Structures are given as C-alpha cells and as structure tokens.
Amino acid sequence: EGPLPLVNFDPKQVRQVLINLVKNAMEAMPMGGELTVASRAQGDQVEIGITDTGEGMDPEVAANIFQPYFTTKEKGTGLGLAICQNIIREHGGAILVDSTPGRGSTFTIRLPRAEGAD
C-alpha cells in the first residue's frame, strides 16, 4: 500500500516487544509452521501484526495473557507480555490478541501516527 506514515517510538523498547512476540510465536509452533509479520496504516494508527500457525489459545488463556505472572509455560515468568503491553501503552498504543485453538494467534500492535504525519 506504499510507505507507512511516521510513528514516534523508542526503537529499543519496540524492538524488545517485537522480539518477545516473535519468540513466543516460534515457541507456539514446536512442529514448525508459518510466522508472518505485516504492517499497515489503519486510520490514525499504524498496525504491526505478528501471526503464527501454532497451537493457539483458548479464550480463557487469551483473556489473561497480559496479566503479570500469568503463564502457561513451564519455565515462564509471566512477565513478557505484561511488559510488552506496558511498553506499547506508554507509546500511546495498544496490543491485542486474536487466537483460535489449533489454528494459531495474531498479536496486533497499534501505535498512533506522529503529529502531522500523513
């Protein structure tokens, strides 16, 4: 669709979010699968979507994944997604999840366009 509008963000922090989401997606596909990262302008925001074809989550798990210390991993701390959500909120954005058991998950990051960006 052409170049994306400008977004103001801290590159180190948003990089941390993207690494965490990609790592989680890879862990959700222990037998392999497809990982897609896509971006687009959507209204006054820019969206980044990370989609995997992994195990997916049931609605109860998906509803709690951003809660601190909630984890489904044997060795997880339950802080990764809570930190990701906090970082994106500090940037004036949001992070959402859409997941279907057995089909995979999509995490969508929404960040506001920079002032005056078209």
PDB file of N, CA and C in Angstrom:
ATOM      1  N   GLU A   1       0.815  -1.202   0.000  1.00  0.00           N
ATOM      2  CA  GLU A   1       0.000   0.000   0.000  1.00  0.00           C
ATOM      3  C   GLU A   1       0.854   1.259   0.000  1.00  0.00           C
ATOM      4  N   GLY A   2       2.148   1.139  -0.150  1.00  0.00           N
ATOM      5  CA  GLY A   2       3.025   2.299  -0.123  1.00  0.00           C
ATOM      6  C   GLY A   2       3.671   2.466   1.240  1.00  0.00           C
ATOM      7  N   PRO A   3       4.429   3.538   1.387  1.00  0.00           N
ATOM      8  CA  PRO A   3       5.134   3.747   2.652  1.00  0.00           C
ATOM      9  C   PRO A   3       4.166   4.030   3.806  1.00  0.00           C
ATOM     10  N   LEU A   4       4.579   3.622   4.994  1.00  0.00           N
ATOM     11  CA  LEU A   4       3.774   3.869   6.192  1.00  0.00           C
ATOM     12  C   LEU A   4       4.010   5.284   6.690  1.00  0.00           C
ATOM     13  N   PRO A   5       3.032   5.868   7.356  1.00  0.00           N
ATOM     14  CA  PRO A   5       3.239   7.184   7.965  1.00  0.00           C
ATOM     15  C   PRO A   5       4.231   7.076   9.124  1.00  0.00           C
ATOM     16  N   LEU A   6       4.779   8.207   9.498  1.00  0.00           N
ATOM     17  CA  LEU A   6       5.731   8.238  10.602  1.00  0.00           C
ATOM     18  C   LEU A   6       5.054   7.915  11.926  1.00  0.00           C
ATOM     19  N   VAL A   7       5.808   7.225  12.788  1.00  0.00           N
ATOM     20  CA  VAL A   7       5.369   6.886  14.135  1.00  0.00           C
ATOM     21  C   VAL A   7       6.523   7.234  15.066  1.00  0.00           C
ATOM     22  N   ASN A   8       6.226   7.923  16.166  1.00  0.00           N
ATOM     23  CA  ASN A   8       7.255   8.213  17.162  1.00  0.00           C
ATOM     24  C   ASN A   8       7.310   7.064  18.158  1.00  0.00           C
ATOM     25  N   PHE A   9       8.492   6.466  18.328  1.00  0.00           N
ATOM     26  CA  PHE A   9       8.647   5.378  19.293  1.00  0.00           C
ATOM     27  C   PHE A   9      10.108   5.225  19.671  1.00  0.00           C
ATOM     28  N   ASP A  10      10.323   4.593  20.799  1.00  0.00           N
ATOM     29  CA  ASP A  10      11.666   4.269  21.253  1.00  0.00           C
ATOM     30  C   ASP A  10      12.064   2.958  20.573  1.00  0.00           C
ATOM     31  N   PRO A  11      13.051   2.992  19.674  1.00  0.00           N
ATOM     32  CA  PRO A  11      13.398   1.782  18.915  1.00  0.00           C
ATOM     33  C   PRO A  11      13.812   0.603  19.792  1.00  0.00           C
ATOM     34  N   LYS A  12      14.524   0.848  20.874  1.00  0.00           N
ATOM     35  CA  LYS A  12      14.953  -0.257  21.740  1.00  0.00           C
ATOM     36  C   LYS A  12      13.763  -0.928  22.409  1.00  0.00           C
ATOM     37  N   GLN A  13      12.807  -0.129  22.854  1.00  0.00           N
ATOM     38  CA  GLN A  13      11.651  -0.699  23.539  1.00  0.00           C
ATOM     39  C   GLN A  13      10.745  -1.462  22.572  1.00  0.00           C
ATOM     40  N   VAL A  14      10.476  -0.882  21.420  1.00  0.00           N
ATOM     41  CA  VAL A  14       9.600  -1.557  20.458  1.00  0.00           C
ATOM     42  C   VAL A  14      10.301  -2.795  19.894  1.00  0.00           C
ATOM     43  N   ARG A  15      11.611  -2.733  19.757  1.00  0.00           N
ATOM     44  CA  ARG A  15      12.381  -3.914  19.338  1.00  0.00           C
ATOM     45  C   ARG A  15      12.190  -5.032  20.361  1.00  0.00           C
ATOM     46  N   GLN A  16      12.236  -4.713  21.651  1.00  0.00           N
ATOM     47  CA  GLN A  16      12.031  -5.706  22.706  1.00  0.00           C
ATOM     48  C   GLN A  16      10.661  -6.351  22.577  1.00  0.00           C
ATOM     49  N   VAL A  17       9.646  -5.549  22.308  1.00  0.00           N
ATOM     50  CA  VAL A  17       8.283  -6.070  22.134  1.00  0.00           C
ATOM     51  C   VAL A  17       8.239  -7.036  20.950  1.00  0.00           C
ATOM     52  N   LEU A  18       8.793  -6.617  19.821  1.00  0.00           N
ATOM     53  CA  LEU A  18       8.747  -7.466  18.623  1.00  0.00           C
ATOM     54  C   LEU A  18       9.515  -8.761  18.824  1.00  0.00           C
ATOM     55  N   ILE A  19      10.683  -8.695  19.459  1.00  0.00           N
ATOM     56  CA  ILE A  19      11.449  -9.913  19.730  1.00  0.00           C
ATOM     57  C   ILE A  19      10.649 -10.860  20.610  1.00  0.00           C
ATOM     58  N   ASN A  20      10.012 -10.336  21.640  1.00  0.00           N
ATOM     59  CA  ASN A  20       9.230 -11.180  22.544  1.00  0.00           C
ATOM     60  C   ASN A  20       8.061 -11.839  21.799  1.00  0.00           C
ATOM     61  N   LEU A  21       7.368 -11.084  20.981  1.00  0.00           N
ATOM     62  CA  LEU A  21       6.220 -11.643  20.260  1.00  0.00           C
ATOM     63  C   LEU A  21       6.654 -12.688  19.239  1.00  0.00           C
ATOM     64  N   VAL A  22       7.755 -12.447  18.547  1.00  0.00           N
ATOM     65  CA  VAL A  22       8.247 -13.422  17.568  1.00  0.00           C
ATOM     66  C   VAL A  22       8.734 -14.685  18.289  1.00  0.00           C
ATOM     67  N   LYS A  23       9.434 -14.516  19.402  1.00  0.00           N
ATOM     68  CA  LYS A  23       9.899 -15.669  20.186  1.00  0.00           C
ATOM     69  C   LYS A  23       8.711 -16.500  20.662  1.00  0.00           C
ATOM     70  N   ASN A  24       7.695 -15.852  21.200  1.00  0.00           N
ATOM     71  CA  ASN A  24       6.501 -16.571  21.646  1.00  0.00           C
ATOM     72  C   ASN A  24       5.835 -17.309  20.490  1.00  0.00           C
ATOM     73  N   ALA A  25       5.764 -16.663  19.331  1.00  0.00           N
ATOM     74  CA  ALA A  25       5.147 -17.296  18.162  1.00  0.00           C
ATOM     75  C   ALA A  25       5.919 -18.545  17.757  1.00  0.00           C
ATOM     76  N   MET A  26       7.239 -18.465  17.774  1.00  0.00           N
ATOM     77  CA  MET A  26       8.054 -19.625  17.413  1.00  0.00           C
ATOM     78  C   MET A  26       7.862 -20.761  18.419  1.00  0.00           C
ATOM     79  N   GLU A  27       7.757 -20.420  19.693  1.00  0.00           N
ATOM     80  CA  GLU A  27       7.535 -21.438  20.723  1.00  0.00           C
ATOM     81  C   GLU A  27       6.154 -22.077  20.606  1.00  0.00           C
ATOM     82  N   ALA A  28       5.196 -21.361  20.029  1.00  0.00           N
ATOM     83  CA  ALA A  28       3.849 -21.892  19.842  1.00  0.00           C
ATOM     84  C   ALA A  28       3.775 -22.850  18.655  1.00  0.00           C
ATOM     85  N   MET A  29       4.879 -22.974  17.914  1.00  0.00           N
ATOM     86  CA  MET A  29       4.923 -23.850  16.740  1.00  0.00           C
ATOM     87  C   MET A  29       6.054 -24.872  16.883  1.00  0.00           C
ATOM     88  N   PRO A  30       5.997 -25.751  17.878  1.00  0.00           N
ATOM     89  CA  PRO A  30       7.112 -26.675  18.103  1.00  0.00           C
ATOM     90  C   PRO A  30       7.352 -27.648  16.947  1.00  0.00           C
ATOM     91  N   MET A  31       6.354 -27.891  16.147  1.00  0.00           N
ATOM     92  CA  MET A  31       6.493 -28.794  14.998  1.00  0.00           C
ATOM     93  C   MET A  31       6.661 -28.009  13.694  1.00  0.00           C
ATOM     94  N   GLY A  32       6.947 -26.724  13.797  1.00  0.00           N
ATOM     95  CA  GLY A  32       7.074 -25.887  12.611  1.00  0.00           C
ATOM     96  C   GLY A  32       5.758 -25.194  12.307  1.00  0.00           C
ATOM     97  N   GLY A  33       5.799 -24.316  11.352  1.00  0.00           N
ATOM     98  CA  GLY A  33       4.608 -23.564  10.976  1.00  0.00           C
ATOM     99  C   GLY A  33       5.000 -22.338  10.197  1.00  0.00           C
ATOM    100  N   GLU A  34       4.111 -21.387  10.159  1.00  0.00           N
ATOM    101  CA  GLU A  34       4.355 -20.165   9.401  1.00  0.00           C
ATOM    102  C   GLU A  34       4.219 -18.962  10.320  1.00  0.00           C
ATOM    103  N   LEU A  35       5.191 -18.079  10.237  1.00  0.00           N
ATOM    104  CA  LEU A  35       5.199 -16.837  11.004  1.00  0.00           C
ATOM    105  C   LEU A  35       5.136 -15.681  10.018  1.00  0.00           C
ATOM    106  N   THR A  36       4.180 -14.795  10.215  1.00  0.00           N
ATOM    107  CA  THR A  36       4.003 -13.656   9.316  1.00  0.00           C
ATOM    108  C   THR A  36       4.050 -12.376  10.136  1.00  0.00           C
ATOM    109  N   VAL A  37       4.841 -11.421   9.661  1.00  0.00           N
ATOM    110  CA  VAL A  37       4.884 -10.090  10.262  1.00  0.00           C
ATOM    111  C   VAL A  37       4.462  -9.117   9.169  1.00  0.00           C
ATOM    112  N   ALA A  38       3.450  -8.318   9.461  1.00  0.00           N
ATOM    113  CA  ALA A  38       2.924  -7.389   8.465  1.00  0.00           C
ATOM    114  C   ALA A  38       2.620  -6.054   9.128  1.00  0.00           C
ATOM    115  N   SER A  39       2.652  -5.000   8.336  1.00  0.00           N
ATOM    116  CA  SER A  39       2.320  -3.672   8.863  1.00  0.00           C
ATOM    117  C   SER A  39       1.414  -2.959   7.871  1.00  0.00           C
ATOM    118  N   ARG A  40       0.631  -2.021   8.411  1.00  0.00           N
ATOM    119  CA  ARG A  40      -0.267  -1.242   7.556  1.00  0.00           C
ATOM    120  C   ARG A  40      -0.716   0.007   8.299  1.00  0.00           C
ATOM    121  N   ALA A  41      -1.108   0.999   7.516  1.00  0.00           N
ATOM    122  CA  ALA A  41      -1.742   2.187   8.079  1.00  0.00           C
ATOM    123  C   ALA A  41      -3.218   1.871   8.245  1.00  0.00           C
ATOM    124  N   GLN A  42      -3.765   2.248   9.392  1.00  0.00           N
ATOM    125  CA  GLN A  42      -5.180   1.993   9.669  1.00  0.00           C
ATOM    126  C   GLN A  42      -5.723   3.219  10.384  1.00  0.00           C
ATOM    127  N   GLY A  43      -6.415   4.087   9.637  1.00  0.00           N
ATOM    128  CA  GLY A  43      -6.930   5.319  10.235  1.00  0.00           C
ATOM    129  C   GLY A  43      -5.778   6.180  10.738  1.00  0.00           C
ATOM    130  N   ASP A  44      -5.854   6.607  12.000  1.00  0.00           N
ATOM    131  CA  ASP A  44      -4.810   7.465  12.555  1.00  0.00           C
ATOM    132  C   ASP A  44      -3.731   6.658  13.279  1.00  0.00           C
ATOM    133  N   GLN A  45      -3.654   5.360  12.954  1.00  0.00           N
ATOM    134  CA  GLN A  45      -2.676   4.482  13.588  1.00  0.00           C
ATOM    135  C   GLN A  45      -1.913   3.668  12.560  1.00  0.00           C
ATOM    136  N   VAL A  46      -0.795   3.114  13.023  1.00  0.00           N
ATOM    137  CA  VAL A  46      -0.054   2.135  12.249  1.00  0.00           C
ATOM    138  C   VAL A  46      -0.153   0.822  13.010  1.00  0.00           C
ATOM    139  N   GLU A  47      -0.455  -0.252  12.295  1.00  0.00           N
ATOM    140  CA  GLU A  47      -0.579  -1.565  12.914  1.00  0.00           C
ATOM    141  C   GLU A  47       0.571  -2.464  12.477  1.00  0.00           C
ATOM    142  N   ILE A  48       1.054  -3.241  13.432  1.00  0.00           N
ATOM    143  CA  ILE A  48       2.024  -4.297  13.155  1.00  0.00           C
ATOM    144  C   ILE A  48       1.387  -5.586  13.648  1.00  0.00           C
ATOM    145  N   GLY A  49       1.265  -6.556  12.764  1.00  0.00           N
ATOM    146  CA  GLY A  49       0.662  -7.832  13.123  1.00  0.00           C
ATOM    147  C   GLY A  49       1.682  -8.952  13.085  1.00  0.00           C
ATOM    148  N   ILE A  50       1.689  -9.777  14.117  1.00  0.00           N
ATOM    149  CA  ILE A  50       2.548 -10.955  14.182  1.00  0.00           C
ATOM    150  C   ILE A  50       1.608 -12.146  14.273  1.00  0.00           C
ATOM    151  N   THR A  51       1.610 -12.982  13.230  1.00  0.00           N
ATOM    152  CA  THR A  51       0.684 -14.106  13.141  1.00  0.00           C
ATOM    153  C   THR A  51       1.457 -15.414  13.061  1.00  0.00           C
ATOM    154  N   ASP A  52       1.015 -16.401  13.846  1.00  0.00           N
ATOM    155  CA  ASP A  52       1.617 -17.728  13.765  1.00  0.00           C
ATOM    156  C   ASP A  52       0.535 -18.760  13.483  1.00  0.00           C
ATOM    157  N   THR A  53       0.965 -19.910  12.997  1.00  0.00           N
ATOM    158  CA  THR A  53       0.047 -21.012  12.730  1.00  0.00           C
ATOM    159  C   THR A  53       0.223 -22.094  13.797  1.00  0.00           C
ATOM    160  N   GLY A  54       0.472 -21.657  15.012  1.00  0.00           N
ATOM    161  CA  GLY A  54       0.767 -22.568  16.112  1.00  0.00           C
ATOM    162  C   GLY A  54      -0.454 -23.106  16.808  1.00  0.00           C
ATOM    163  N   GLU A  55      -0.249 -23.416  18.087  1.00  0.00           N
ATOM    164  CA  GLU A  55      -1.249 -24.107  18.890  1.00  0.00           C
ATOM    165  C   GLU A  55      -2.476 -23.264  19.201  1.00  0.00           C
ATOM    166  N   GLY A  56      -2.339 -21.961  19.201  1.00  0.00           N
ATOM    167  CA  GLY A  56      -3.458 -21.093  19.549  1.00  0.00           C
ATOM    168  C   GLY A  56      -3.765 -21.176  21.037  1.00  0.00           C
ATOM    169  N   MET A  57      -4.719 -20.377  21.469  1.00  0.00           N
ATOM    170  CA  MET A  57      -5.097 -20.324  22.886  1.00  0.00           C
ATOM    171  C   MET A  57      -6.604 -20.376  23.008  1.00  0.00           C
ATOM    172  N   ASP A  58      -7.059 -21.002  24.094  1.00  0.00           N
ATOM    173  CA  ASP A  58      -8.495 -20.951  24.341  1.00  0.00           C
ATOM    174  C   ASP A  58      -8.834 -19.565  24.886  1.00  0.00           C
ATOM    175  N   PRO A  59     -10.101 -19.157  24.841  1.00  0.00           N
ATOM    176  CA  PRO A  59     -10.481 -17.799  25.245  1.00  0.00           C
ATOM    177  C   PRO A  59     -10.071 -17.431  26.673  1.00  0.00           C
ATOM    178  N   GLU A  60     -10.115 -18.376  27.597  1.00  0.00           N
ATOM    179  CA  GLU A  60      -9.744 -18.080  28.987  1.00  0.00           C
ATOM    180  C   GLU A  60      -8.261 -17.722  29.097  1.00  0.00           C
ATOM    181  N   VAL A  61      -7.416 -18.462  28.404  1.00  0.00           N
ATOM    182  CA  VAL A  61      -5.982 -18.159  28.418  1.00  0.00           C
ATOM    183  C   VAL A  61      -5.735 -16.817  27.740  1.00  0.00           C
ATOM    184  N   ALA A  62      -6.328 -16.612  26.566  1.00  0.00           N
ATOM    185  CA  ALA A  62      -6.126 -15.360  25.826  1.00  0.00           C
ATOM    186  C   ALA A  62      -6.557 -14.149  26.649  1.00  0.00           C
ATOM    187  N   ALA A  63      -7.586 -14.307  27.461  1.00  0.00           N
ATOM    188  CA  ALA A  63      -8.082 -13.193  28.275  1.00  0.00           C
ATOM    189  C   ALA A  63      -7.123 -12.818  29.399  1.00  0.00           C
ATOM    190  N   ASN A  64      -6.181 -13.693  29.727  1.00  0.00           N
ATOM    191  CA  ASN A  64      -5.291 -13.451  30.861  1.00  0.00           C
ATOM    192  C   ASN A  64      -3.824 -13.244  30.506  1.00  0.00           C
ATOM    193  N   ILE A  65      -3.467 -13.370  29.256  1.00  0.00           N
ATOM    194  CA  ILE A  65      -2.038 -13.393  28.912  1.00  0.00           C
ATOM    195  C   ILE A  65      -1.292 -12.092  29.198  1.00  0.00           C
ATOM    196  N   PHE A  66      -1.989 -10.984  29.313  1.00  0.00           N
ATOM    197  CA  PHE A  66      -1.308  -9.724  29.605  1.00  0.00           C
ATOM    198  C   PHE A  66      -1.239  -9.442  31.113  1.00  0.00           C
ATOM    199  N   GLN A  67      -1.782 -10.343  31.935  1.00  0.00           N
ATOM    200  CA  GLN A  67      -1.733 -10.180  33.382  1.00  0.00           C
ATOM    201  C   GLN A  67      -0.337 -10.562  33.887  1.00  0.00           C
ATOM    202  N   PRO A  68       0.267  -9.715  34.729  1.00  0.00           N
ATOM    203  CA  PRO A  68       1.580 -10.064  35.272  1.00  0.00           C
ATOM    204  C   PRO A  68       1.544 -11.411  35.993  1.00  0.00           C
ATOM    205  N   TYR A  69       2.563 -12.202  35.774  1.00  0.00           N
ATOM    206  CA  TYR A  69       2.789 -13.516  36.399  1.00  0.00           C
ATOM    207  C   TYR A  69       1.880 -14.617  35.885  1.00  0.00           C
ATOM    208  N   PHE A  70       1.025 -14.328  34.894  1.00  0.00           N
ATOM    209  CA  PHE A  70       0.220 -15.388  34.280  1.00  0.00           C
ATOM    210  C   PHE A  70       1.071 -16.053  33.206  1.00  0.00           C
ATOM    211  N   THR A  71       1.213 -17.366  33.281  1.00  0.00           N
ATOM    212  CA  THR A  71       1.980 -18.079  32.271  1.00  0.00           C
ATOM    213  C   THR A  71       1.412 -19.466  32.047  1.00  0.00           C
ATOM    214  N   THR A  72       1.618 -19.971  30.852  1.00  0.00           N
ATOM    215  CA  THR A  72       1.285 -21.354  30.531  1.00  0.00           C
ATOM    216  C   THR A  72       2.563 -22.147  30.288  1.00  0.00           C
ATOM    217  N   LYS A  73       3.705 -21.477  30.410  1.00  0.00           N
ATOM    218  CA  LYS A  73       4.991 -22.121  30.153  1.00  0.00           C
ATOM    219  C   LYS A  73       5.570 -22.699  31.439  1.00  0.00           C
ATOM    220  N   GLU A  74       6.222 -23.839  31.292  1.00  0.00           N
ATOM    221  CA  GLU A  74       6.814 -24.499  32.445  1.00  0.00           C
ATOM    222  C   GLU A  74       7.871 -23.632  33.121  1.00  0.00           C
ATOM    223  N   LYS A  75       8.660 -22.925  32.324  1.00  0.00           N
ATOM    224  CA  LYS A  75       9.735 -22.109  32.892  1.00  0.00           C
ATOM    225  C   LYS A  75       9.509 -20.615  32.665  1.00  0.00           C
ATOM    226  N   GLY A  76       8.292 -20.217  32.379  1.00  0.00           N
ATOM    227  CA  GLY A  76       7.999 -18.810  32.128  1.00  0.00           C
ATOM    228  C   GLY A  76       7.774 -18.036  33.416  1.00  0.00           C
ATOM    229  N   THR A  77       8.029 -16.728  33.337  1.00  0.00           N
ATOM    230  CA  THR A  77       7.798 -15.858  34.498  1.00  0.00           C
ATOM    231  C   THR A  77       6.435 -15.196  34.444  1.00  0.00           C
ATOM    232  N   GLY A  78       5.829 -15.151  33.254  1.00  0.00           N
ATOM    233  CA  GLY A  78       4.549 -14.473  33.118  1.00  0.00           C
ATOM    234  C   GLY A  78       4.683 -12.963  33.048  1.00  0.00           C
ATOM    235  N   LEU A  79       5.889 -12.480  32.764  1.00  0.00           N
ATOM    236  CA  LEU A  79       6.092 -11.029  32.705  1.00  0.00           C
ATOM    237  C   LEU A  79       6.262 -10.501  31.282  1.00  0.00           C
ATOM    238  N   GLY A  80       6.630 -11.347  30.344  1.00  0.00           N
ATOM    239  CA  GLY A  80       6.936 -10.888  28.990  1.00  0.00           C
ATOM    240  C   GLY A  80       5.827 -10.100  28.330  1.00  0.00           C
ATOM    241  N   LEU A  81       4.636 -10.656  28.264  1.00  0.00           N
ATOM    242  CA  LEU A  81       3.535  -9.960  27.587  1.00  0.00           C
ATOM    243  C   LEU A  81       3.019  -8.783  28.400  1.00  0.00           C
ATOM    244  N   ALA A  82       3.095  -8.863  29.731  1.00  0.00           N
ATOM    245  CA  ALA A  82       2.701  -7.720  30.561  1.00  0.00           C
ATOM    246  C   ALA A  82       3.636  -6.543  30.292  1.00  0.00           C
ATOM    247  N   ILE A  83       4.930  -6.817  30.169  1.00  0.00           N
ATOM    248  CA  ILE A  83       5.904  -5.763  29.860  1.00  0.00           C
ATOM    249  C   ILE A  83       5.644  -5.212  28.460  1.00  0.00           C
ATOM    250  N   CYS A  84       5.385  -6.096  27.505  1.00  0.00           N
ATOM    251  CA  CYS A  84       5.083  -5.648  26.138  1.00  0.00           C
ATOM    252  C   CYS A  84       3.886  -4.704  26.130  1.00  0.00           C
ATOM    253  N   GLN A  85       2.834  -5.081  26.836  1.00  0.00           N
ATOM    254  CA  GLN A  85       1.644  -4.239  26.884  1.00  0.00           C
ATOM    255  C   GLN A  85       1.964  -2.886  27.506  1.00  0.00           C
ATOM    256  N   ASN A  86       2.740  -2.880  28.565  1.00  0.00           N
ATOM    257  CA  ASN A  86       3.106  -1.634  29.227  1.00  0.00           C
ATOM    258  C   ASN A  86       3.903  -0.727  28.289  1.00  0.00           C
ATOM    259  N   ILE A  87       4.858  -1.281  27.569  1.00  0.00           N
ATOM    260  CA  ILE A  87       5.668  -0.501  26.631  1.00  0.00           C
ATOM    261  C   ILE A  87       4.791   0.133  25.560  1.00  0.00           C
ATOM    262  N   ILE A  88       3.904  -0.663  24.974  1.00  0.00           N
ATOM    263  CA  ILE A  88       3.051  -0.143  23.898  1.00  0.00           C
ATOM    264  C   ILE A  88       2.088   0.908  24.444  1.00  0.00           C
ATOM    265  N   ARG A  89       1.552   0.708  25.625  1.00  0.00           N
ATOM    266  CA  ARG A  89       0.667   1.717  26.232  1.00  0.00           C
ATOM    267  C   ARG A  89       1.429   3.020  26.494  1.00  0.00           C
ATOM    268  N   GLU A  90       2.684   2.911  26.942  1.00  0.00           N
ATOM    269  CA  GLU A  90       3.494   4.116  27.171  1.00  0.00           C
ATOM    270  C   GLU A  90       3.715   4.902  25.881  1.00  0.00           C
ATOM    271  N   HIS A  91       3.608   4.235  24.755  1.00  0.00           N
ATOM    272  CA  HIS A  91       3.734   4.888  23.448  1.00  0.00           C
ATOM    273  C   HIS A  91       2.382   5.374  22.926  1.00  0.00           C
ATOM    274  N   GLY A  92       1.343   5.298  23.740  1.00  0.00           N
ATOM    275  CA  GLY A  92       0.014   5.746  23.328  1.00  0.00           C
ATOM    276  C   GLY A  92      -0.731   4.745  22.480  1.00  0.00           C
ATOM    277  N   GLY A  93      -0.264   3.496  22.470  1.00  0.00           N
ATOM    278  CA  GLY A  93      -0.870   2.491  21.622  1.00  0.00           C
ATOM    279  C   GLY A  93      -1.556   1.390  22.397  1.00  0.00           C
ATOM    280  N   ALA A  94      -1.804   0.297  21.696  1.00  0.00           N
ATOM    281  CA  ALA A  94      -2.467  -0.861  22.280  1.00  0.00           C
ATOM    282  C   ALA A  94      -1.906  -2.120  21.644  1.00  0.00           C
ATOM    283  N   ILE A  95      -2.009  -3.210  22.381  1.00  0.00           N
ATOM    284  CA  ILE A  95      -1.640  -4.525  21.843  1.00  0.00           C
ATOM    285  C   ILE A  95      -2.816  -5.457  22.082  1.00  0.00           C
ATOM    286  N   LEU A  96      -3.219  -6.157  21.042  1.00  0.00           N
ATOM    287  CA  LEU A  96      -4.399  -7.020  21.080  1.00  0.00           C
ATOM    288  C   LEU A  96      -4.017  -8.423  20.634  1.00  0.00           C
ATOM    289  N   VAL A  97      -4.822  -9.394  21.029  1.00  0.00           N
ATOM    290  CA  VAL A  97      -4.594 -10.766  20.578  1.00  0.00           C
ATOM    291  C   VAL A  97      -5.894 -11.346  20.046  1.00  0.00           C
ATOM    292  N   ASP A  98      -5.763 -12.130  18.985  1.00  0.00           N
ATOM    293  CA  ASP A  98      -6.858 -12.904  18.429  1.00  0.00           C
ATOM    294  C   ASP A  98      -6.308 -14.308  18.240  1.00  0.00           C
ATOM    295  N   SER A  99      -6.932 -15.291  18.872  1.00  0.00           N
ATOM    296  CA  SER A  99      -6.374 -16.635  18.843  1.00  0.00           C
ATOM    297  C   SER A  99      -7.472 -17.679  18.733  1.00  0.00           C
ATOM    298  N   THR A 100      -7.167 -18.753  18.009  1.00  0.00           N
ATOM    299  CA  THR A 100      -8.073 -19.877  17.861  1.00  0.00           C
ATOM    300  C   THR A 100      -7.305 -21.151  18.176  1.00  0.00           C
ATOM    301  N   PRO A 101      -7.779 -21.932  19.144  1.00  0.00           N
ATOM    302  CA  PRO A 101      -7.080 -23.179  19.463  1.00  0.00           C
ATOM    303  C   PRO A 101      -6.885 -24.046  18.219  1.00  0.00           C
ATOM    304  N   GLY A 102      -5.662 -24.530  18.049  1.00  0.00           N
ATOM    305  CA  GLY A 102      -5.346 -25.385  16.919  1.00  0.00           C
ATOM    306  C   GLY A 102      -5.086 -24.659  15.618  1.00  0.00           C
ATOM    307  N   ARG A 103      -5.274 -23.352  15.593  1.00  0.00           N
ATOM    308  CA  ARG A 103      -5.113 -22.598  14.344  1.00  0.00           C
ATOM    309  C   ARG A 103      -4.068 -21.497  14.426  1.00  0.00           C
ATOM    310  N   GLY A 104      -3.751 -21.042  15.626  1.00  0.00           N
ATOM    311  CA  GLY A 104      -2.730 -20.006  15.765  1.00  0.00           C
ATOM    312  C   GLY A 104      -3.247 -18.735  16.389  1.00  0.00           C
ATOM    313  N   SER A 105      -2.357 -17.759  16.410  1.00  0.00           N
ATOM    314  CA  SER A 105      -2.651 -16.488  17.071  1.00  0.00           C
ATOM    315  C   SER A 105      -2.134 -15.327  16.245  1.00  0.00           C
ATOM    316  N   THR A 106      -2.788 -14.183  16.404  1.00  0.00           N
ATOM    317  CA  THR A 106      -2.309 -12.932  15.831  1.00  0.00           C
ATOM    318  C   THR A 106      -2.260 -11.903  16.943  1.00  0.00           C
ATOM    319  N   PHE A 107      -1.071 -11.310  17.123  1.00  0.00           N
ATOM    320  CA  PHE A 107      -0.904 -10.187  18.031  1.00  0.00           C
ATOM    321  C   PHE A 107      -0.820  -8.934  17.167  1.00  0.00           C
ATOM    322  N   THR A 108      -1.624  -7.944  17.492  1.00  0.00           N
ATOM    323  CA  THR A 108      -1.649  -6.696  16.738  1.00  0.00           C
ATOM    324  C   THR A 108      -1.213  -5.561  17.643  1.00  0.00           C
ATOM    325  N   ILE A 109      -0.180  -4.860  17.206  1.00  0.00           N
ATOM    326  CA  ILE A 109       0.296  -3.668  17.894  1.00  0.00           C
ATOM    327  C   ILE A 109      -0.255  -2.466  17.144  1.00  0.00           C
ATOM    328  N   ARG A 110      -0.877  -1.555  17.865  1.00  0.00           N
ATOM    329  CA  ARG A 110      -1.384  -0.320  17.268  1.00  0.00           C
ATOM    330  C   ARG A 110      -0.670   0.856  17.899  1.00  0.00           C
ATOM    331  N   LEU A 111      -0.033   1.647  17.051  1.00  0.00           N
ATOM    332  CA  LEU A 111       0.676   2.854  17.512  1.00  0.00           C
ATOM    333  C   LEU A 111       0.138   4.082  16.778  1.00  0.00           C
ATOM    334  N   PRO A 112       0.013   5.198  17.477  1.00  0.00           N
ATOM    335  CA  PRO A 112      -0.504   6.395  16.816  1.00  0.00           C
ATOM    336  C   PRO A 112       0.503   6.969  15.826  1.00  0.00           C
ATOM    337  N   ARG A 113      -0.030   7.536  14.757  1.00  0.00           N
ATOM    338  CA  ARG A 113       0.814   8.264  13.810  1.00  0.00           C
ATOM    339  C   ARG A 113       1.454   9.453  14.507  1.00  0.00           C
ATOM    340  N   ALA A 114       2.615   9.835  14.014  1.00  0.00           N
ATOM    341  CA  ALA A 114       3.273  11.028  14.541  1.00  0.00           C
ATOM    342  C   ALA A 114       2.418  12.240  14.186  1.00  0.00           C
ATOM    343  N   GLU A 115       2.458  13.263  15.024  1.00  0.00           N
ATOM    344  CA  GLU A 115       1.733  14.507  14.771  1.00  0.00           C
ATOM    345  C   GLU A 115       2.068  15.033  13.380  1.00  0.00           C
ATOM    346  N   GLY A 116       1.050  15.312  12.590  1.00  0.00           N
ATOM    347  CA  GLY A 116       1.257  15.867  11.261  1.00  0.00           C
ATOM    348  C   GLY A 116       1.660  14.855  10.206  1.00  0.00           C
ATOM    349  N   ALA A 117       1.757  13.562  10.547  1.00  0.00           N
ATOM    350  CA  ALA A 117       2.138  12.546   9.570  1.00  0.00           C
ATOM    351  C   ALA A 117       0.938  12.150   8.736  1.00  0.00           C
ATOM    352  N   ASP A 118       1.170  11.987   7.454  1.00  0.00           N
ATOM    353  CA  ASP A 118       0.080  11.578   6.546  1.00  0.00           C
ATOM    354  C   ASP A 118       0.241  10.157   6.119  1.00  0.00           C
TER     355      ASP A 118
END
